[in-house]
N, C-alpha and C. Protein backbone atom coordinates (compact mmCIF):
# COMPACT_ATOMS: atom_id res chain seq x y z
N MET A 1 -61.95 -18.91 -112.95
CA MET A 1 -61.95 -18.10 -114.16
C MET A 1 -60.61 -18.27 -114.86
N LEU A 2 -60.63 -18.47 -116.15
CA LEU A 2 -59.42 -18.61 -116.94
C LEU A 2 -58.80 -17.25 -117.21
N GLY A 3 -57.51 -17.25 -117.50
CA GLY A 3 -56.86 -16.04 -118.01
C GLY A 3 -56.58 -14.98 -116.96
N THR A 4 -55.79 -14.03 -117.38
CA THR A 4 -55.42 -12.89 -116.55
C THR A 4 -56.09 -11.65 -117.11
N PRO A 5 -56.84 -10.93 -116.30
CA PRO A 5 -57.51 -9.74 -116.83
C PRO A 5 -56.53 -8.66 -117.24
N ARG A 6 -56.86 -7.97 -118.26
CA ARG A 6 -56.14 -6.79 -118.72
C ARG A 6 -57.09 -5.63 -118.64
N THR A 7 -56.57 -4.45 -118.57
CA THR A 7 -57.44 -3.28 -118.55
C THR A 7 -57.33 -2.55 -119.87
N GLY A 8 -58.43 -1.95 -120.28
CA GLY A 8 -58.44 -1.17 -121.52
C GLY A 8 -58.30 -2.03 -122.75
N ARG A 9 -58.18 -1.38 -123.88
CA ARG A 9 -58.10 -2.10 -125.15
C ARG A 9 -56.68 -2.36 -125.59
N GLN A 10 -55.70 -2.17 -124.74
CA GLN A 10 -54.32 -2.40 -125.15
C GLN A 10 -54.00 -3.89 -125.22
N GLY A 11 -54.21 -4.60 -124.15
CA GLY A 11 -54.01 -6.04 -124.15
C GLY A 11 -52.66 -6.48 -124.63
N GLY A 12 -51.67 -5.61 -124.56
CA GLY A 12 -50.34 -5.97 -125.01
C GLY A 12 -50.16 -5.86 -126.51
N ARG A 13 -51.11 -5.30 -127.21
CA ARG A 13 -51.02 -5.21 -128.66
C ARG A 13 -50.00 -4.16 -129.06
N ASN A 14 -49.37 -4.39 -130.18
CA ASN A 14 -48.46 -3.43 -130.77
C ASN A 14 -49.14 -2.75 -131.94
N LYS A 15 -48.69 -1.57 -132.27
CA LYS A 15 -49.28 -0.85 -133.39
C LYS A 15 -49.15 -1.70 -134.65
N GLY A 16 -50.22 -1.85 -135.37
CA GLY A 16 -50.22 -2.66 -136.58
C GLY A 16 -50.65 -4.09 -136.35
N ASP A 17 -50.54 -4.58 -135.11
CA ASP A 17 -50.89 -5.96 -134.82
C ASP A 17 -52.38 -6.22 -135.00
N ASP A 18 -53.20 -5.16 -134.84
CA ASP A 18 -54.64 -5.37 -134.92
C ASP A 18 -55.17 -5.23 -136.34
N ALA A 19 -54.27 -5.03 -137.30
CA ALA A 19 -54.70 -4.86 -138.68
C ALA A 19 -55.13 -6.20 -139.30
N MET A 20 -54.57 -7.29 -138.85
CA MET A 20 -54.87 -8.61 -139.40
C MET A 20 -55.16 -9.56 -138.25
N SER A 21 -55.90 -10.60 -138.54
CA SER A 21 -56.20 -11.58 -137.49
C SER A 21 -55.93 -13.00 -137.98
N TRP A 22 -55.61 -13.86 -137.01
CA TRP A 22 -55.55 -15.30 -137.23
C TRP A 22 -56.92 -15.80 -136.85
N ASP A 23 -57.57 -16.51 -137.74
CA ASP A 23 -58.98 -16.86 -137.55
C ASP A 23 -59.16 -18.34 -137.21
N LEU A 24 -60.01 -18.55 -136.21
CA LEU A 24 -60.36 -19.89 -135.76
C LEU A 24 -61.88 -20.03 -135.79
N PHE A 25 -62.31 -21.24 -135.91
CA PHE A 25 -63.73 -21.57 -135.93
C PHE A 25 -63.94 -22.61 -134.84
N ALA A 26 -64.84 -22.35 -133.92
CA ALA A 26 -65.14 -23.30 -132.84
C ALA A 26 -66.49 -23.96 -133.12
N PHE A 27 -66.53 -25.27 -132.89
CA PHE A 27 -67.78 -26.00 -133.06
C PHE A 27 -67.81 -27.12 -132.03
N LYS A 28 -68.95 -27.74 -131.90
CA LYS A 28 -69.10 -28.91 -131.02
C LYS A 28 -69.33 -30.12 -131.90
N LYS A 29 -68.77 -31.25 -131.50
CA LYS A 29 -68.96 -32.47 -132.28
C LYS A 29 -70.42 -32.89 -132.31
N GLU A 30 -71.10 -32.67 -131.21
CA GLU A 30 -72.52 -33.02 -131.13
C GLU A 30 -73.29 -31.87 -130.51
N GLY A 31 -74.38 -31.49 -131.15
CA GLY A 31 -75.26 -30.49 -130.59
C GLY A 31 -74.77 -29.06 -130.76
N ALA A 32 -75.56 -28.17 -130.20
CA ALA A 32 -75.26 -26.75 -130.27
C ALA A 32 -74.54 -26.31 -129.00
N PHE A 33 -74.03 -25.11 -129.03
CA PHE A 33 -73.36 -24.54 -127.86
C PHE A 33 -74.35 -24.17 -126.76
N GLY A 34 -75.58 -23.98 -127.13
CA GLY A 34 -76.59 -23.41 -126.26
C GLY A 34 -77.11 -22.16 -126.95
N THR A 35 -77.85 -21.38 -126.22
CA THR A 35 -78.37 -20.14 -126.81
C THR A 35 -77.31 -19.05 -126.73
N VAL A 36 -77.54 -17.98 -127.47
CA VAL A 36 -76.63 -16.82 -127.43
C VAL A 36 -76.47 -16.35 -125.99
N ALA A 37 -77.56 -16.23 -125.26
CA ALA A 37 -77.51 -15.76 -123.87
C ALA A 37 -76.71 -16.73 -122.99
N GLN A 38 -76.88 -18.03 -123.19
CA GLN A 38 -76.14 -19.02 -122.40
C GLN A 38 -74.64 -18.95 -122.69
N VAL A 39 -74.28 -18.81 -123.96
CA VAL A 39 -72.86 -18.74 -124.33
C VAL A 39 -72.25 -17.44 -123.80
N ARG A 40 -72.98 -16.36 -123.88
CA ARG A 40 -72.50 -15.09 -123.33
C ARG A 40 -72.18 -15.24 -121.84
N ALA A 41 -73.11 -15.84 -121.10
CA ALA A 41 -72.91 -16.04 -119.66
C ALA A 41 -71.73 -16.96 -119.38
N GLU A 42 -71.58 -18.02 -120.17
CA GLU A 42 -70.47 -18.95 -120.00
C GLU A 42 -69.14 -18.26 -120.24
N LEU A 43 -69.06 -17.44 -121.29
CA LEU A 43 -67.82 -16.70 -121.55
C LEU A 43 -67.49 -15.76 -120.39
N GLU A 44 -68.49 -15.08 -119.87
CA GLU A 44 -68.27 -14.17 -118.76
C GLU A 44 -67.82 -14.91 -117.50
N ASN A 45 -68.27 -16.15 -117.32
CA ASN A 45 -67.85 -16.95 -116.17
C ASN A 45 -66.44 -17.52 -116.33
N ARG A 46 -66.01 -17.71 -117.58
CA ARG A 46 -64.72 -18.34 -117.85
C ARG A 46 -63.57 -17.35 -118.05
N LEU A 47 -63.87 -16.20 -118.63
CA LEU A 47 -62.83 -15.23 -118.99
C LEU A 47 -63.22 -13.83 -118.56
N PRO A 48 -62.23 -13.01 -118.24
CA PRO A 48 -62.51 -11.59 -118.00
C PRO A 48 -62.64 -10.87 -119.34
N VAL A 49 -63.82 -10.91 -119.92
CA VAL A 49 -64.03 -10.34 -121.26
C VAL A 49 -64.65 -8.95 -121.16
N GLU A 50 -64.45 -8.19 -122.21
CA GLU A 50 -65.10 -6.89 -122.38
C GLU A 50 -65.96 -7.00 -123.63
N TRP A 51 -67.23 -6.66 -123.50
CA TRP A 51 -68.16 -6.76 -124.63
C TRP A 51 -68.06 -5.52 -125.49
N GLY A 52 -67.88 -5.72 -126.79
CA GLY A 52 -67.82 -4.63 -127.75
C GLY A 52 -69.17 -4.41 -128.41
N GLY A 53 -70.09 -5.30 -128.16
CA GLY A 53 -71.44 -5.27 -128.70
C GLY A 53 -72.18 -6.44 -128.10
N SER A 54 -73.38 -6.68 -128.55
CA SER A 54 -74.18 -7.76 -127.98
C SER A 54 -73.64 -9.15 -128.32
N PHE A 55 -72.89 -9.26 -129.41
CA PHE A 55 -72.51 -10.58 -129.89
C PHE A 55 -71.02 -10.77 -130.11
N TRP A 56 -70.19 -9.85 -129.63
CA TRP A 56 -68.75 -10.08 -129.69
C TRP A 56 -68.09 -9.48 -128.46
N CYS A 57 -67.04 -10.18 -128.02
CA CYS A 57 -66.32 -9.72 -126.84
C CYS A 57 -64.83 -9.84 -127.08
N TYR A 58 -64.08 -9.18 -126.23
CA TYR A 58 -62.62 -9.18 -126.30
C TYR A 58 -62.05 -9.76 -125.03
N TYR A 59 -61.01 -10.56 -125.19
CA TYR A 59 -60.18 -10.99 -124.08
C TYR A 59 -58.79 -10.45 -124.37
N PHE A 60 -58.24 -9.69 -123.44
CA PHE A 60 -56.92 -9.08 -123.61
C PHE A 60 -55.90 -9.91 -122.85
N GLY A 61 -55.13 -10.70 -123.59
CA GLY A 61 -54.12 -11.56 -122.99
C GLY A 61 -52.77 -10.88 -122.95
N ASP A 62 -51.75 -11.65 -122.66
CA ASP A 62 -50.39 -11.15 -122.56
C ASP A 62 -49.79 -11.03 -123.97
N GLY A 63 -49.95 -9.87 -124.58
CA GLY A 63 -49.41 -9.64 -125.91
C GLY A 63 -50.34 -10.05 -127.04
N PHE A 64 -51.55 -10.43 -126.74
CA PHE A 64 -52.50 -10.81 -127.78
C PHE A 64 -53.92 -10.45 -127.34
N THR A 65 -54.81 -10.42 -128.31
CA THR A 65 -56.22 -10.15 -128.05
C THR A 65 -57.05 -11.20 -128.77
N LEU A 66 -58.06 -11.73 -128.08
CA LEU A 66 -59.04 -12.61 -128.71
C LEU A 66 -60.31 -11.80 -128.93
N GLU A 67 -60.85 -11.86 -130.13
CA GLU A 67 -62.19 -11.33 -130.38
C GLU A 67 -63.07 -12.54 -130.63
N ILE A 68 -64.05 -12.73 -129.78
CA ILE A 68 -64.91 -13.90 -129.86
C ILE A 68 -66.29 -13.45 -130.33
N ASN A 69 -66.72 -14.00 -131.44
CA ASN A 69 -68.00 -13.63 -132.06
C ASN A 69 -69.00 -14.76 -131.87
N ILE A 70 -70.14 -14.43 -131.24
CA ILE A 70 -71.15 -15.45 -130.94
C ILE A 70 -72.47 -15.16 -131.64
N GLY A 71 -72.42 -14.53 -132.76
CA GLY A 71 -73.64 -14.24 -133.50
C GLY A 71 -73.42 -13.04 -134.40
N ASP A 72 -74.52 -12.47 -134.86
CA ASP A 72 -74.44 -11.26 -135.68
C ASP A 72 -75.64 -10.37 -135.36
N TRP A 73 -75.82 -9.32 -136.11
CA TRP A 73 -76.86 -8.33 -135.82
C TRP A 73 -78.27 -8.91 -135.83
N ARG A 74 -78.45 -10.05 -136.47
CA ARG A 74 -79.78 -10.68 -136.51
C ARG A 74 -80.02 -11.62 -135.34
N SER A 75 -78.98 -11.98 -134.61
CA SER A 75 -79.10 -12.96 -133.53
C SER A 75 -79.91 -12.42 -132.36
N GLN A 76 -80.70 -13.31 -131.80
CA GLN A 76 -81.49 -13.01 -130.61
C GLN A 76 -80.94 -13.84 -129.45
N ASP A 77 -81.16 -13.37 -128.23
CA ASP A 77 -80.64 -14.08 -127.06
C ASP A 77 -81.05 -15.55 -127.01
N GLU A 78 -82.25 -15.86 -127.50
CA GLU A 78 -82.75 -17.23 -127.42
C GLU A 78 -82.32 -18.10 -128.60
N ASP A 79 -81.63 -17.54 -129.58
CA ASP A 79 -81.18 -18.31 -130.75
C ASP A 79 -80.09 -19.31 -130.36
N PRO A 80 -80.18 -20.55 -130.87
CA PRO A 80 -79.12 -21.52 -130.61
C PRO A 80 -77.89 -21.20 -131.47
N LEU A 81 -76.72 -21.48 -130.92
CA LEU A 81 -75.47 -21.27 -131.66
C LEU A 81 -74.91 -22.62 -132.11
N ASP A 82 -74.48 -22.70 -133.36
CA ASP A 82 -73.83 -23.92 -133.82
C ASP A 82 -72.36 -23.69 -134.14
N ASN A 83 -71.90 -22.44 -134.05
CA ASN A 83 -70.48 -22.16 -134.25
C ASN A 83 -70.13 -20.82 -133.61
N ILE A 84 -68.85 -20.65 -133.37
CA ILE A 84 -68.31 -19.42 -132.80
C ILE A 84 -67.05 -19.11 -133.59
N SER A 85 -66.85 -17.85 -133.92
CA SER A 85 -65.60 -17.47 -134.59
C SER A 85 -64.72 -16.72 -133.60
N ILE A 86 -63.43 -16.96 -133.73
CA ILE A 86 -62.44 -16.32 -132.86
C ILE A 86 -61.37 -15.71 -133.74
N GLU A 87 -61.10 -14.44 -133.52
CA GLU A 87 -60.04 -13.73 -134.22
C GLU A 87 -58.96 -13.42 -133.21
N VAL A 88 -57.73 -13.80 -133.53
CA VAL A 88 -56.60 -13.58 -132.63
C VAL A 88 -55.69 -12.53 -133.26
N ARG A 89 -55.33 -11.55 -132.45
CA ARG A 89 -54.44 -10.48 -132.92
C ARG A 89 -53.32 -10.30 -131.91
N GLY A 90 -52.19 -9.83 -132.39
CA GLY A 90 -51.08 -9.52 -131.50
C GLY A 90 -49.89 -10.41 -131.74
N GLY A 91 -49.02 -10.49 -130.74
CA GLY A 91 -47.78 -11.23 -130.90
C GLY A 91 -47.51 -12.22 -129.77
N GLY A 92 -48.33 -12.24 -128.73
CA GLY A 92 -48.11 -13.17 -127.62
C GLY A 92 -48.50 -14.59 -128.00
N ASP A 93 -48.58 -15.46 -127.01
CA ASP A 93 -48.92 -16.86 -127.24
C ASP A 93 -50.35 -17.14 -126.79
N PRO A 94 -51.29 -17.21 -127.72
CA PRO A 94 -52.69 -17.45 -127.34
C PRO A 94 -53.04 -18.91 -127.12
N MET A 95 -52.15 -19.83 -127.48
CA MET A 95 -52.50 -21.25 -127.48
C MET A 95 -52.95 -21.77 -126.12
N PRO A 96 -52.25 -21.46 -125.01
CA PRO A 96 -52.72 -22.01 -123.73
C PRO A 96 -54.16 -21.59 -123.38
N ILE A 97 -54.49 -20.33 -123.57
CA ILE A 97 -55.84 -19.88 -123.21
C ILE A 97 -56.87 -20.45 -124.18
N LEU A 98 -56.52 -20.57 -125.46
CA LEU A 98 -57.45 -21.16 -126.44
C LEU A 98 -57.75 -22.62 -126.10
N VAL A 99 -56.71 -23.37 -125.77
CA VAL A 99 -56.89 -24.78 -125.43
C VAL A 99 -57.71 -24.92 -124.14
N GLU A 100 -57.42 -24.08 -123.15
CA GLU A 100 -58.19 -24.12 -121.89
C GLU A 100 -59.65 -23.77 -122.13
N LEU A 101 -59.88 -22.74 -122.93
CA LEU A 101 -61.25 -22.30 -123.21
C LEU A 101 -62.02 -23.40 -123.94
N ALA A 102 -61.37 -24.01 -124.93
CA ALA A 102 -62.02 -25.08 -125.68
C ALA A 102 -62.32 -26.28 -124.79
N ALA A 103 -61.35 -26.68 -123.98
CA ALA A 103 -61.54 -27.84 -123.11
C ALA A 103 -62.63 -27.59 -122.08
N ALA A 104 -62.65 -26.39 -121.51
CA ALA A 104 -63.63 -26.06 -120.47
C ALA A 104 -65.05 -26.05 -121.01
N ASN A 105 -65.20 -25.79 -122.32
CA ASN A 105 -66.53 -25.65 -122.92
C ASN A 105 -66.89 -26.78 -123.88
N GLY A 106 -66.01 -27.76 -124.05
CA GLY A 106 -66.28 -28.86 -124.97
C GLY A 106 -66.25 -28.45 -126.43
N TRP A 107 -65.41 -27.44 -126.74
CA TRP A 107 -65.31 -26.95 -128.11
C TRP A 107 -64.24 -27.71 -128.88
N VAL A 108 -64.39 -27.75 -130.18
CA VAL A 108 -63.36 -28.19 -131.10
C VAL A 108 -62.94 -26.94 -131.87
N LEU A 109 -61.65 -26.68 -131.94
CA LEU A 109 -61.14 -25.50 -132.65
C LEU A 109 -60.56 -25.89 -133.99
N SER A 110 -60.95 -25.18 -135.02
CA SER A 110 -60.43 -25.38 -136.36
C SER A 110 -59.63 -24.15 -136.76
N ASP A 111 -58.39 -24.38 -137.17
CA ASP A 111 -57.49 -23.31 -137.60
C ASP A 111 -57.79 -23.02 -139.07
N LEU A 112 -58.33 -21.85 -139.36
CA LEU A 112 -58.70 -21.54 -140.74
C LEU A 112 -57.50 -21.23 -141.61
N ALA A 113 -56.32 -20.98 -141.02
CA ALA A 113 -55.11 -20.75 -141.82
C ALA A 113 -54.58 -22.05 -142.40
N THR A 114 -54.72 -23.14 -141.65
CA THR A 114 -54.19 -24.42 -142.12
C THR A 114 -55.28 -25.42 -142.47
N GLY A 115 -56.50 -25.17 -142.02
CA GLY A 115 -57.59 -26.11 -142.24
C GLY A 115 -57.57 -27.28 -141.27
N GLN A 116 -56.68 -27.25 -140.28
CA GLN A 116 -56.55 -28.35 -139.34
C GLN A 116 -57.36 -28.10 -138.07
N VAL A 117 -57.80 -29.20 -137.47
CA VAL A 117 -58.41 -29.14 -136.15
C VAL A 117 -57.27 -29.12 -135.15
N ILE A 118 -57.38 -28.26 -134.15
CA ILE A 118 -56.33 -28.14 -133.15
C ILE A 118 -56.50 -29.24 -132.12
N ASP A 119 -55.46 -30.06 -131.96
CA ASP A 119 -55.45 -31.13 -130.98
C ASP A 119 -55.16 -30.52 -129.61
N PRO A 120 -56.10 -30.61 -128.66
CA PRO A 120 -55.88 -29.98 -127.36
C PRO A 120 -54.74 -30.59 -126.57
N ASP A 121 -54.37 -31.85 -126.87
CA ASP A 121 -53.27 -32.50 -126.15
C ASP A 121 -51.91 -32.14 -126.72
N ALA A 122 -51.88 -31.69 -127.96
CA ALA A 122 -50.63 -31.28 -128.61
C ALA A 122 -50.94 -30.16 -129.59
N PRO A 123 -51.34 -29.01 -129.06
CA PRO A 123 -51.78 -27.94 -129.97
C PRO A 123 -50.62 -27.43 -130.85
N PRO A 124 -50.80 -27.54 -132.15
CA PRO A 124 -49.78 -27.01 -133.04
C PRO A 124 -49.88 -25.49 -133.08
N ASP A 125 -48.78 -24.85 -133.28
CA ASP A 125 -48.82 -23.40 -133.41
C ASP A 125 -48.46 -22.97 -134.83
N GLU A 126 -48.52 -23.93 -135.76
CA GLU A 126 -48.17 -23.66 -137.15
C GLU A 126 -49.00 -22.52 -137.75
N GLY A 127 -50.32 -22.58 -137.59
CA GLY A 127 -51.19 -21.54 -138.14
C GLY A 127 -50.90 -20.19 -137.54
N TRP A 128 -50.65 -20.16 -136.22
CA TRP A 128 -50.33 -18.91 -135.54
C TRP A 128 -49.01 -18.35 -136.06
N LYS A 129 -48.01 -19.21 -136.26
CA LYS A 129 -46.72 -18.75 -136.78
C LYS A 129 -46.84 -18.28 -138.23
N ILE A 130 -47.64 -18.98 -139.03
CA ILE A 130 -47.87 -18.54 -140.42
C ILE A 130 -48.52 -17.16 -140.42
N PHE A 131 -49.53 -17.00 -139.60
CA PHE A 131 -50.20 -15.71 -139.51
C PHE A 131 -49.22 -14.61 -139.11
N GLN A 132 -48.45 -14.83 -138.05
CA GLN A 132 -47.52 -13.80 -137.58
C GLN A 132 -46.49 -13.45 -138.64
N SER A 133 -45.96 -14.46 -139.32
CA SER A 133 -44.97 -14.22 -140.37
C SER A 133 -45.56 -13.41 -141.52
N THR A 134 -46.75 -13.78 -141.96
CA THR A 134 -47.41 -13.07 -143.05
C THR A 134 -47.71 -11.63 -142.65
N ARG A 135 -48.23 -11.45 -141.44
CA ARG A 135 -48.53 -10.10 -140.95
C ARG A 135 -47.26 -9.25 -140.87
N ASP A 136 -46.21 -9.82 -140.30
CA ASP A 136 -44.97 -9.07 -140.14
C ASP A 136 -44.33 -8.71 -141.48
N GLU A 137 -44.37 -9.64 -142.43
CA GLU A 137 -43.84 -9.35 -143.76
C GLU A 137 -44.64 -8.25 -144.44
N GLY A 138 -45.95 -8.31 -144.32
CA GLY A 138 -46.81 -7.27 -144.90
C GLY A 138 -46.55 -5.91 -144.29
N MET A 139 -46.43 -5.87 -142.97
CA MET A 139 -46.15 -4.60 -142.28
C MET A 139 -44.79 -4.05 -142.69
N GLU A 140 -43.80 -4.92 -142.86
CA GLU A 140 -42.46 -4.47 -143.28
C GLU A 140 -42.51 -3.89 -144.69
N LEU A 141 -43.27 -4.51 -145.59
CA LEU A 141 -43.41 -3.98 -146.95
C LEU A 141 -44.05 -2.59 -146.92
N VAL A 142 -45.06 -2.42 -146.09
CA VAL A 142 -45.71 -1.11 -145.97
C VAL A 142 -44.73 -0.09 -145.43
N ARG A 143 -43.97 -0.46 -144.41
CA ARG A 143 -43.00 0.46 -143.83
C ARG A 143 -41.95 0.88 -144.85
N LYS A 144 -41.46 -0.08 -145.63
CA LYS A 144 -40.46 0.23 -146.66
C LYS A 144 -41.04 1.13 -147.73
N LYS A 145 -42.24 0.81 -148.18
CA LYS A 145 -42.85 1.58 -149.25
C LYS A 145 -43.17 3.01 -148.83
N TYR A 146 -43.65 3.17 -147.61
CA TYR A 146 -44.10 4.48 -147.17
C TYR A 146 -43.16 5.14 -146.17
N GLY A 147 -42.00 4.52 -145.92
CA GLY A 147 -41.00 5.12 -145.06
C GLY A 147 -41.33 5.12 -143.59
N GLN A 148 -42.22 4.25 -143.16
CA GLN A 148 -42.59 4.21 -141.75
C GLN A 148 -41.68 3.25 -141.01
N GLN A 149 -41.31 3.61 -139.82
CA GLN A 149 -40.46 2.77 -138.99
C GLN A 149 -41.24 2.31 -137.76
N ASN A 150 -41.23 1.02 -137.50
CA ASN A 150 -41.84 0.46 -136.29
C ASN A 150 -43.27 0.91 -136.09
N GLY A 151 -44.02 1.07 -137.18
CA GLY A 151 -45.42 1.43 -137.08
C GLY A 151 -45.64 2.90 -136.84
N ASP A 152 -44.56 3.72 -136.86
CA ASP A 152 -44.68 5.16 -136.65
C ASP A 152 -45.29 5.79 -137.87
N GLU A 153 -46.41 6.45 -137.72
CA GLU A 153 -47.13 7.01 -138.86
C GLU A 153 -46.72 8.42 -139.19
N SER A 154 -45.73 8.96 -138.48
CA SER A 154 -45.31 10.33 -138.76
C SER A 154 -44.47 10.35 -140.04
N ASP A 155 -44.38 11.53 -140.64
CA ASP A 155 -43.63 11.69 -141.88
C ASP A 155 -42.19 12.05 -141.63
N GLU A 156 -41.75 12.10 -140.39
CA GLU A 156 -40.38 12.51 -140.07
C GLU A 156 -39.41 11.41 -140.31
């Protein structure tokens, strides 16, 4: 099994980190992933995930969270999947687990921030760094405008 299990929904996230996500798109060069039920089982065999619904799960890594979406409200267990979306939140380094997950399942990952396919032999972290910088700048602007410090929502 890949990854280190985390307990609860904390996953090392910091306040405000879950407001925005770095988005990835997983696909296979040839064929489908399998059915929704098959992909669900494969994810459960590969990662210690927590299901938030029938078609999305969470992996709580060291300082980051992956939300993996394998369908939508219309999807049935027997439906074939041709893509998977992954939302990454937090501040840790998700690249090793993403590369392992993709390699173990024959996935190709596309970084929606840069439009680039992630090379598993030399995974760039440019999109992840762009996302973190944009998120942090946005959070700082909010803190300055509304007088919040370090994500503290109190008025003191």
